[in-house]
Amino acid sequence: MSLAKHMYESRDFSPMPILADALQDAGCEDDAILSHCRDAKQVHVRGCWVVDLLLGKA
């Protein structure tokens, strides 16, 4: 949660792959979420559905 909050507030989404690893370590098995976070071609901005979902903004 702290990583997602930091990314949201700083608008620096470069740690998305790290977030994917943390989510997987916490038991997340959702391929859509993990793939989205790890997709190097994906442009992440404030409003990213994964970060919003984690922060309860979705």
N, C-alpha and C. Protein backbone atom coordinates (compact mmCIF):
# COMPACT_ATOMS: atom_id res chain seq x y z
N MET A 1 0.82 -1.19 0.00
CA MET A 1 0.00 0.00 0.00
C MET A 1 0.87 1.25 0.00
N SER A 2 1.94 1.25 0.75
CA SER A 2 2.78 2.45 0.82
C SER A 2 3.43 2.74 -0.52
N LEU A 3 3.81 1.71 -1.25
CA LEU A 3 4.40 1.91 -2.57
C LEU A 3 3.38 2.50 -3.53
N ALA A 4 2.17 1.98 -3.52
CA ALA A 4 1.11 2.51 -4.39
C ALA A 4 0.81 3.96 -4.03
N LYS A 5 0.76 4.26 -2.75
CA LYS A 5 0.48 5.63 -2.30
C LYS A 5 1.60 6.57 -2.74
N HIS A 6 2.84 6.12 -2.59
CA HIS A 6 3.97 6.94 -3.01
C HIS A 6 3.92 7.22 -4.51
N MET A 7 3.64 6.20 -5.31
CA MET A 7 3.57 6.39 -6.76
C MET A 7 2.46 7.37 -7.12
N TYR A 8 1.32 7.23 -6.46
CA TYR A 8 0.19 8.11 -6.73
C TYR A 8 0.53 9.56 -6.40
N GLU A 9 1.12 9.77 -5.25
CA GLU A 9 1.41 11.13 -4.80
C GLU A 9 2.58 11.77 -5.57
N SER A 10 3.59 10.98 -5.90
CA SER A 10 4.77 11.53 -6.58
C SER A 10 4.61 11.53 -8.10
N ARG A 11 3.62 10.81 -8.59
CA ARG A 11 3.40 10.63 -10.03
C ARG A 11 4.59 9.96 -10.71
N ASP A 12 5.34 9.21 -9.94
CA ASP A 12 6.46 8.42 -10.45
C ASP A 12 6.04 6.96 -10.43
N PHE A 13 5.74 6.43 -11.60
CA PHE A 13 5.22 5.07 -11.69
C PHE A 13 6.29 4.07 -12.14
N SER A 14 7.54 4.48 -12.08
CA SER A 14 8.62 3.57 -12.48
C SER A 14 8.72 2.32 -11.59
N PRO A 15 8.25 2.35 -10.33
CA PRO A 15 8.31 1.13 -9.52
C PRO A 15 7.18 0.12 -9.78
N MET A 16 6.44 0.27 -10.87
CA MET A 16 5.33 -0.66 -11.13
C MET A 16 5.77 -2.13 -11.12
N PRO A 17 6.91 -2.49 -11.72
CA PRO A 17 7.32 -3.90 -11.64
C PRO A 17 7.58 -4.36 -10.21
N ILE A 18 8.08 -3.46 -9.37
CA ILE A 18 8.30 -3.79 -7.96
C ILE A 18 6.96 -4.00 -7.27
N LEU A 19 5.97 -3.19 -7.63
CA LEU A 19 4.63 -3.36 -7.08
C LEU A 19 4.07 -4.72 -7.48
N ALA A 20 4.30 -5.13 -8.72
CA ALA A 20 3.85 -6.45 -9.17
C ALA A 20 4.47 -7.55 -8.32
N ASP A 21 5.75 -7.46 -8.06
CA ASP A 21 6.43 -8.46 -7.23
C ASP A 21 5.86 -8.48 -5.82
N ALA A 22 5.62 -7.29 -5.25
CA ALA A 22 5.06 -7.21 -3.90
C ALA A 22 3.65 -7.79 -3.85
N LEU A 23 2.86 -7.50 -4.86
CA LEU A 23 1.50 -8.05 -4.90
C LEU A 23 1.53 -9.57 -5.03
N GLN A 24 2.43 -10.07 -5.87
CA GLN A 24 2.56 -11.52 -6.04
C GLN A 24 3.03 -12.17 -4.74
N ASP A 25 3.99 -11.56 -4.07
CA ASP A 25 4.46 -12.08 -2.79
C ASP A 25 3.35 -12.10 -1.75
N ALA A 26 2.40 -11.15 -1.87
CA ALA A 26 1.29 -11.07 -0.93
C ALA A 26 0.15 -12.01 -1.30
N GLY A 27 0.31 -12.75 -2.41
CA GLY A 27 -0.68 -13.75 -2.78
C GLY A 27 -1.54 -13.41 -3.98
N CYS A 28 -1.28 -12.27 -4.63
CA CYS A 28 -2.06 -11.91 -5.82
C CYS A 28 -1.71 -12.87 -6.95
N GLU A 29 -2.75 -13.44 -7.56
CA GLU A 29 -2.56 -14.35 -8.68
C GLU A 29 -3.29 -13.85 -9.92
N ASP A 30 -3.77 -12.61 -9.89
CA ASP A 30 -4.53 -12.03 -11.00
C ASP A 30 -3.58 -11.66 -12.14
N ASP A 31 -3.66 -12.40 -13.24
CA ASP A 31 -2.75 -12.17 -14.37
C ASP A 31 -2.90 -10.78 -14.96
N ALA A 32 -4.12 -10.25 -14.99
CA ALA A 32 -4.34 -8.92 -15.57
C ALA A 32 -3.60 -7.86 -14.76
N ILE A 33 -3.66 -7.96 -13.45
CA ILE A 33 -2.99 -6.99 -12.58
C ILE A 33 -1.48 -7.13 -12.70
N LEU A 34 -0.99 -8.34 -12.57
CA LEU A 34 0.46 -8.54 -12.61
C LEU A 34 1.05 -8.19 -13.97
N SER A 35 0.37 -8.56 -15.04
CA SER A 35 0.85 -8.24 -16.39
C SER A 35 0.84 -6.75 -16.63
N HIS A 36 -0.21 -6.08 -16.17
CA HIS A 36 -0.31 -4.63 -16.34
C HIS A 36 0.87 -3.94 -15.65
N CYS A 37 1.18 -4.35 -14.45
CA CYS A 37 2.28 -3.74 -13.70
C CYS A 37 3.64 -4.01 -14.32
N ARG A 38 3.78 -5.14 -14.97
CA ARG A 38 5.09 -5.54 -15.52
C ARG A 38 5.29 -5.15 -16.97
N ASP A 39 4.26 -4.65 -17.62
CA ASP A 39 4.33 -4.31 -19.04
C ASP A 39 5.19 -3.06 -19.23
N ALA A 40 6.37 -3.24 -19.79
CA ALA A 40 7.32 -2.14 -19.98
C ALA A 40 6.82 -1.13 -21.01
N LYS A 41 5.91 -1.54 -21.88
CA LYS A 41 5.37 -0.64 -22.90
C LYS A 41 4.18 0.17 -22.38
N GLN A 42 3.67 -0.19 -21.23
CA GLN A 42 2.52 0.47 -20.64
C GLN A 42 2.93 1.83 -20.08
N VAL A 43 2.14 2.84 -20.39
CA VAL A 43 2.38 4.17 -19.82
C VAL A 43 1.49 4.30 -18.60
N HIS A 44 2.10 4.45 -17.44
CA HIS A 44 1.35 4.55 -16.20
C HIS A 44 1.29 6.01 -15.77
N VAL A 45 0.11 6.44 -15.43
CA VAL A 45 -0.12 7.81 -14.97
C VAL A 45 -1.08 7.76 -13.79
N ARG A 46 -1.24 8.90 -13.13
CA ARG A 46 -2.22 8.98 -12.05
C ARG A 46 -3.57 8.61 -12.68
N GLY A 47 -4.27 7.71 -12.04
CA GLY A 47 -5.50 7.18 -12.60
C GLY A 47 -5.31 5.75 -13.09
N CYS A 48 -4.09 5.24 -12.97
CA CYS A 48 -3.82 3.84 -13.33
C CYS A 48 -4.78 2.96 -12.54
N TRP A 49 -5.49 2.09 -13.24
CA TRP A 49 -6.55 1.32 -12.59
C TRP A 49 -6.03 0.43 -11.47
N VAL A 50 -4.81 -0.07 -11.58
CA VAL A 50 -4.28 -0.94 -10.53
C VAL A 50 -4.00 -0.14 -9.26
N VAL A 51 -3.32 0.99 -9.42
CA VAL A 51 -3.00 1.83 -8.26
C VAL A 51 -4.30 2.36 -7.64
N ASP A 52 -5.23 2.80 -8.48
CA ASP A 52 -6.52 3.29 -7.97
C ASP A 52 -7.26 2.19 -7.22
N LEU A 53 -7.21 0.98 -7.73
CA LEU A 53 -7.87 -0.15 -7.07
C LEU A 53 -7.27 -0.40 -5.69
N LEU A 54 -5.95 -0.38 -5.61
CA LEU A 54 -5.27 -0.60 -4.35
C LEU A 54 -5.57 0.49 -3.31
N LEU A 55 -5.70 1.71 -3.81
CA LEU A 55 -5.93 2.84 -2.91
C LEU A 55 -7.41 3.12 -2.66
N GLY A 56 -8.26 2.27 -3.23
CA GLY A 56 -9.70 2.45 -3.01
C GLY A 56 -10.29 3.62 -3.77
N LYS A 57 -9.64 4.02 -4.85
CA LYS A 57 -10.13 5.15 -5.64
C LYS A 57 -10.95 4.68 -6.84
N ALA A 58 -10.98 3.41 -7.08
CA ALA A 58 -11.70 2.88 -8.25
C ALA A 58 -13.13 2.54 -7.91
